[in-house]
């Protein structure tokens, strides 16, 4: 699951850079933001879940 989060985070960064460099691909910025938010939510759920079980 950590690999999936890492892949989503890397994809978000790549899409942010690509969307920033190419104005015609502006929608990629929104896709990257959505992926970043999903990655953060998944990370928080896993972090809080592991923390409460200890």
N, C-alpha and C. Protein backbone atom coordinates (compact mmCIF):
# COMPACT_ATOMS: atom_id res chain seq x y z
N UNK A 1 0.83 -1.20 0.00
CA UNK A 1 0.00 0.00 0.00
C UNK A 1 0.87 1.25 0.00
N UNK A 2 2.02 1.19 0.66
CA UNK A 2 2.93 2.34 0.66
C UNK A 2 3.43 2.65 -0.75
N UNK A 3 3.62 1.60 -1.55
CA UNK A 3 4.07 1.80 -2.93
C UNK A 3 2.99 2.53 -3.72
N UNK A 4 1.73 2.18 -3.50
CA UNK A 4 0.63 2.84 -4.20
C UNK A 4 0.58 4.32 -3.84
N UNK A 5 0.76 4.64 -2.56
CA UNK A 5 0.75 6.04 -2.14
C UNK A 5 1.91 6.79 -2.78
N UNK A 6 3.07 6.16 -2.83
CA UNK A 6 4.24 6.80 -3.44
C UNK A 6 4.00 7.05 -4.93
N UNK A 7 3.41 6.09 -5.61
CA UNK A 7 3.14 6.24 -7.04
C UNK A 7 2.14 7.37 -7.28
N UNK A 8 1.10 7.44 -6.45
CA UNK A 8 0.11 8.51 -6.59
C UNK A 8 0.76 9.87 -6.34
N UNK A 9 1.60 9.95 -5.31
CA UNK A 9 2.26 11.22 -5.00
C UNK A 9 3.20 11.65 -6.13
N UNK A 10 3.96 10.71 -6.67
CA UNK A 10 4.88 11.03 -7.77
C UNK A 10 4.10 11.46 -9.01
N UNK A 11 3.01 10.76 -9.30
CA UNK A 11 2.18 11.14 -10.44
C UNK A 11 1.60 12.54 -10.25
N UNK A 12 1.21 12.87 -9.03
CA UNK A 12 0.67 14.20 -8.76
C UNK A 12 1.71 15.26 -9.01
N UNK A 13 2.94 15.04 -8.56
CA UNK A 13 4.01 16.02 -8.77
C UNK A 13 4.32 16.17 -10.25
N UNK A 14 4.41 15.05 -10.97
CA UNK A 14 4.69 15.11 -12.41
C UNK A 14 3.59 15.87 -13.14
N UNK A 15 2.34 15.60 -12.80
CA UNK A 15 1.23 16.28 -13.46
C UNK A 15 1.21 17.76 -13.12
N UNK A 16 1.57 18.12 -11.89
CA UNK A 16 1.65 19.54 -11.52
C UNK A 16 2.71 20.25 -12.34
N UNK A 17 3.88 19.64 -12.49
CA UNK A 17 4.96 20.25 -13.27
C UNK A 17 4.56 20.35 -14.73
N UNK A 18 4.02 19.27 -15.29
CA UNK A 18 3.61 19.27 -16.69
C UNK A 18 2.50 20.29 -16.94
N UNK A 19 1.53 20.33 -16.05
CA UNK A 19 0.43 21.28 -16.21
C UNK A 19 0.89 22.72 -16.06
N UNK A 20 1.91 22.96 -15.26
CA UNK A 20 2.43 24.31 -15.09
C UNK A 20 3.25 24.75 -16.29
N UNK A 21 3.95 23.82 -16.95
CA UNK A 21 4.81 24.18 -18.07
C UNK A 21 4.03 24.34 -19.37
N UNK A 22 2.96 23.59 -19.51
CA UNK A 22 2.19 23.62 -20.74
C UNK A 22 0.80 24.17 -20.43
N UNK A 23 0.57 25.45 -20.75
CA UNK A 23 -0.70 26.08 -20.40
C UNK A 23 -1.92 25.38 -21.01
N UNK A 24 -1.75 24.74 -22.15
CA UNK A 24 -2.90 24.08 -22.79
C UNK A 24 -3.33 22.83 -22.03
N UNK A 25 -2.48 22.32 -21.15
CA UNK A 25 -2.82 21.14 -20.36
C UNK A 25 -3.19 21.54 -18.94
N UNK A 26 -3.94 22.62 -18.84
CA UNK A 26 -4.31 23.18 -17.54
C UNK A 26 -5.11 22.19 -16.70
N UNK A 27 -5.87 21.31 -17.34
CA UNK A 27 -6.68 20.36 -16.58
C UNK A 27 -5.80 19.39 -15.79
N UNK A 28 -4.55 19.19 -16.20
CA UNK A 28 -3.66 18.30 -15.47
C UNK A 28 -3.38 18.82 -14.07
N UNK A 29 -3.42 20.14 -13.90
CA UNK A 29 -3.22 20.70 -12.56
C UNK A 29 -4.32 20.21 -11.64
N UNK A 30 -5.56 20.21 -12.13
CA UNK A 30 -6.68 19.76 -11.30
C UNK A 30 -6.60 18.27 -11.03
N UNK A 31 -6.15 17.50 -12.01
CA UNK A 31 -5.98 16.06 -11.81
C UNK A 31 -4.90 15.82 -10.76
N UNK A 32 -3.81 16.56 -10.85
CA UNK A 32 -2.71 16.41 -9.88
C UNK A 32 -3.16 16.79 -8.48
N UNK A 33 -3.92 17.85 -8.35
CA UNK A 33 -4.42 18.26 -7.04
C UNK A 33 -5.32 17.17 -6.46
N UNK A 34 -6.19 16.60 -7.30
CA UNK A 34 -7.08 15.54 -6.84
C UNK A 34 -6.27 14.32 -6.39
N UNK A 35 -5.26 13.94 -7.15
CA UNK A 35 -4.43 12.80 -6.78
C UNK A 35 -3.66 13.07 -5.49
N UNK A 36 -3.17 14.29 -5.35
CA UNK A 36 -2.44 14.64 -4.13
C UNK A 36 -3.36 14.57 -2.91
N UNK A 37 -4.58 15.05 -3.05
CA UNK A 37 -5.54 15.01 -1.95
C UNK A 37 -5.86 13.56 -1.59
N UNK A 38 -6.06 12.72 -2.59
CA UNK A 38 -6.34 11.31 -2.33
C UNK A 38 -5.17 10.65 -1.61
N UNK A 39 -3.94 10.96 -2.06
CA UNK A 39 -2.76 10.38 -1.42
C UNK A 39 -2.65 10.82 0.04
N UNK A 40 -2.93 12.08 0.31
CA UNK A 40 -2.86 12.58 1.69
C UNK A 40 -3.93 11.93 2.56
N UNK A 41 -5.14 11.79 2.03
CA UNK A 41 -6.22 11.16 2.79
C UNK A 41 -5.87 9.70 3.11
N UNK A 42 -5.38 8.97 2.13
CA UNK A 42 -5.01 7.57 2.35
C UNK A 42 -3.90 7.49 3.38
N UNK A 43 -2.90 8.36 3.28
CA UNK A 43 -1.81 8.36 4.24
C UNK A 43 -2.31 8.66 5.65
N UNK A 44 -3.19 9.65 5.78
CA UNK A 44 -3.73 9.99 7.09
C UNK A 44 -4.53 8.83 7.69
N UNK A 45 -5.34 8.19 6.89
CA UNK A 45 -6.13 7.06 7.38
C UNK A 45 -5.21 5.95 7.86
N UNK A 46 -4.19 5.64 7.09
CA UNK A 46 -3.25 4.59 7.49
C UNK A 46 -2.47 4.99 8.73
N UNK A 47 -2.03 6.25 8.78
CA UNK A 47 -1.24 6.72 9.93
C UNK A 47 -2.07 6.69 11.20
N UNK A 48 -3.29 7.21 11.13
CA UNK A 48 -4.14 7.23 12.33
C UNK A 48 -4.59 5.82 12.71
N UNK A 49 -4.81 4.98 11.73
CA UNK A 49 -5.21 3.60 12.01
C UNK A 49 -4.10 2.83 12.70
N UNK A 50 -2.89 2.98 12.24
CA UNK A 50 -1.75 2.29 12.85
C UNK A 50 -1.45 2.85 14.23
N UNK A 51 -1.64 4.12 14.39
CA UNK A 51 -1.33 4.78 15.65
C UNK A 51 -2.30 4.34 16.75
N UNK A 52 -3.58 4.22 16.42
CA UNK A 52 -4.57 3.86 17.42
C UNK A 52 -4.49 2.39 17.81
N UNK A 53 -3.95 1.54 16.96
CA UNK A 53 -3.87 0.12 17.26
C UNK A 53 -2.67 -0.23 18.13
N UNK A 54 -1.75 0.70 18.29
CA UNK A 54 -0.53 0.42 19.08
C UNK A 54 -0.80 0.61 20.55
